[in-house]
C-alpha atoms as a PDB file:
ATOM      1  CA  MET A   1       0.976   1.373 -26.498  1.00  0.00           C
ATOM      2  CA  SER A   2       4.605   1.672 -25.602  1.00  0.00           C
ATOM      3  CA  ALA A   3       5.734   3.398 -22.436  1.00  0.00           C
ATOM      4  CA  THR A   4       8.137   6.278 -22.786  1.00  0.00           C
ATOM      5  CA  HIS A   5      10.865   7.106 -20.317  1.00  0.00           C
ATOM      6  CA  SER A   6       8.872  10.051 -18.960  1.00  0.00           C
ATOM      7  CA  GLN A   7       6.028   7.726 -17.933  1.00  0.00           C
ATOM      8  CA  LEU A   8       8.152   5.153 -16.110  1.00  0.00           C
ATOM      9  CA  PRO A   9       9.148   7.295 -13.097  1.00  0.00           C
ATOM     10  CA  LEU A  10       5.503   8.278 -12.600  1.00  0.00           C
ATOM     11  CA  GLU A  11       4.508   4.632 -12.428  1.00  0.00           C
ATOM     12  CA  GLY A  12       7.271   4.003  -9.916  1.00  0.00           C
ATOM     13  CA  ARG A  13       6.055   6.873  -7.775  1.00  0.00           C
ATOM     14  CA  MET A  14       2.495   5.573  -7.884  1.00  0.00           C
ATOM     15  CA  ASP A  15       3.693   2.233  -6.557  1.00  0.00           C
ATOM     16  CA  GLU A  16       5.573   4.043  -3.792  1.00  0.00           C
ATOM     17  CA  PHE A  17       2.466   6.137  -3.106  1.00  0.00           C
ATOM     18  CA  GLU A  18       0.339   3.000  -2.819  1.00  0.00           C
ATOM     19  CA  VAL A  19       2.808   1.382  -0.413  1.00  0.00           C
ATOM     20  CA  LYS A  20       2.844   4.490   1.771  1.00  0.00           C
ATOM     21  CA  ALA A  21      -0.946   4.639   1.691  1.00  0.00           C
ATOM     22  CA  GLN A  22      -1.181   1.009   2.790  1.00  0.00           C
ATOM     23  CA  ARG A  23       1.280   1.621   5.616  1.00  0.00           C
ATOM     24  CA  LEU A  24      -0.660   4.678   6.790  1.00  0.00           C
ATOM     25  CA  VAL A  25      -3.908   2.692   6.763  1.00  0.00           C
ATOM     26  CA  ALA A  26      -2.184  -0.017   8.818  1.00  0.00           C
ATOM     27  CA  LEU A  27      -1.021   2.627  11.308  1.00  0.00           C
ATOM     28  CA  CYS A  28      -4.579   3.974  11.511  1.00  0.00           C
ATOM     29  CA  MET A  29      -5.883   0.493  12.266  1.00  0.00           C
ATOM     30  CA  LEU A  30      -3.178   0.074  14.914  1.00  0.00           C
ATOM     31  CA  GLY A  31      -4.271   3.378  16.446  1.00  0.00           C
ATOM     32  CA  LEU A  32      -7.866   2.214  16.536  1.00  0.00           C
ATOM     33  CA  LEU A  33      -6.774  -0.955  18.273  1.00  0.00           C
ATOM     34  CA  LEU A  34      -4.512   0.828  20.767  1.00  0.00           C
ATOM     35  CA  PHE A  35      -7.205   3.323  21.785  1.00  0.00           C
ATOM     36  CA  ASN A  36     -10.087   0.845  21.929  1.00  0.00           C
ATOM     37  CA  TYR A  37     -11.777  -0.013  25.240  1.00  0.00           C
ATOM     38  CA  PRO A  38     -10.296  -3.445  26.034  1.00  0.00           C
ATOM     39  CA  ILE A  39      -6.721  -2.226  25.630  1.00  0.00           C
ATOM     40  CA  LEU A  40      -7.343   0.997  27.546  1.00  0.00           C
ATOM     41  CA  ALA A  41      -8.961  -0.999  30.361  1.00  0.00           C
ATOM     42  CA  LEU A  42      -5.704  -2.915  30.831  1.00  0.00           C
ATOM     43  CA  PHE A  43      -3.940   0.317  31.769  1.00  0.00           C
ATOM     44  CA  ASN A  44      -6.729   1.768  33.930  1.00  0.00           C
ATOM     45  CA  VAL A  45      -5.126   0.777  37.219  1.00  0.00           C
ATOM     46  CA  PRO A  46      -4.550   2.819  40.387  1.00  0.00           C
ATOM     47  CA  ALA A  47      -0.797   3.064  39.898  1.00  0.00           C
ATOM     48  CA  THR A  48       1.659   5.629  38.618  1.00  0.00           C
ATOM     49  CA  ALA A  49       4.615   5.576  36.254  1.00  0.00           C
ATOM     50  CA  PHE A  50       7.115   8.340  37.015  1.00  0.00           C
ATOM     51  CA  GLY A  51       4.394  10.140  38.985  1.00  0.00           C
ATOM     52  CA  ILE A  52       1.887  10.012  36.109  1.00  0.00           C
ATOM     53  CA  PRO A  53      -1.169   7.730  36.164  1.00  0.00           C
ATOM     54  CA  VAL A  54      -0.488   4.621  34.069  1.00  0.00           C
ATOM     55  CA  LEU A  55      -3.434   5.261  31.759  1.00  0.00           C
ATOM     56  CA  TYR A  56      -2.221   8.768  30.921  1.00  0.00           C
ATOM     57  CA  ALA A  57       1.339   7.527  30.389  1.00  0.00           C
ATOM     58  CA  TYR A  58       0.049   4.785  28.051  1.00  0.00           C
ATOM     59  CA  VAL A  59      -2.082   7.191  26.018  1.00  0.00           C
ATOM     60  CA  PHE A  60       0.825   9.632  25.679  1.00  0.00           C
ATOM     61  CA  ALA A  61       3.294   6.884  24.717  1.00  0.00           C
ATOM     62  CA  ALA A  62       0.947   5.220  22.212  1.00  0.00           C
ATOM     63  CA  TRP A  63       0.063   8.570  20.632  1.00  0.00           C
ATOM     64  CA  SER A  64       3.744   9.502  20.380  1.00  0.00           C
ATOM     65  CA  LEU A  65       4.621   6.179  18.758  1.00  0.00           C
ATOM     66  CA  LEU A  66       1.819   6.548  16.215  1.00  0.00           C
ATOM     67  CA  ILE A  67       2.985  10.050  15.303  1.00  0.00           C
ATOM     68  CA  ALA A  68       6.587   8.853  14.985  1.00  0.00           C
ATOM     69  CA  GLY A  69       5.445   5.933  12.826  1.00  0.00           C
ATOM     70  CA  MET A  70       3.475   8.233  10.538  1.00  0.00           C
ATOM     71  CA  ALA A  71       6.432  10.597  10.219  1.00  0.00           C
ATOM     72  CA  LEU A  72       8.684   7.649   9.399  1.00  0.00           C
ATOM     73  CA  VAL A  73       6.340   6.358   6.712  1.00  0.00           C
ATOM     74  CA  VAL A  74       5.794   9.774   5.121  1.00  0.00           C
ATOM     75  CA  GLU A  75       9.387  11.016   5.225  1.00  0.00           C
ATOM     76  CA  THR A  76      11.296   7.897   4.135  1.00  0.00           C
ATOM     77  CA  GLY A  77      11.542   6.655   0.593  1.00  0.00           C
ATOM     78  CA  ASP A  78      11.458   3.008  -0.379  1.00  0.00           C
END
């Protein structure tokens, strides 16, 4: 079977879709790692950062970075 011009862009988009899906899965795995017990235990110290407990600051920063990473992956084209 020969591919027509109308089929070629769809195949290109599927490749782009697969790359984005792989990047989102990688971000999910990073999130699982960042919010797992051993990493959280590193930040569970009796100290503050800018008046906020270090653990809370870490959770907020890691969550924000994951959201920004997901937005970057979803909104940018390859």
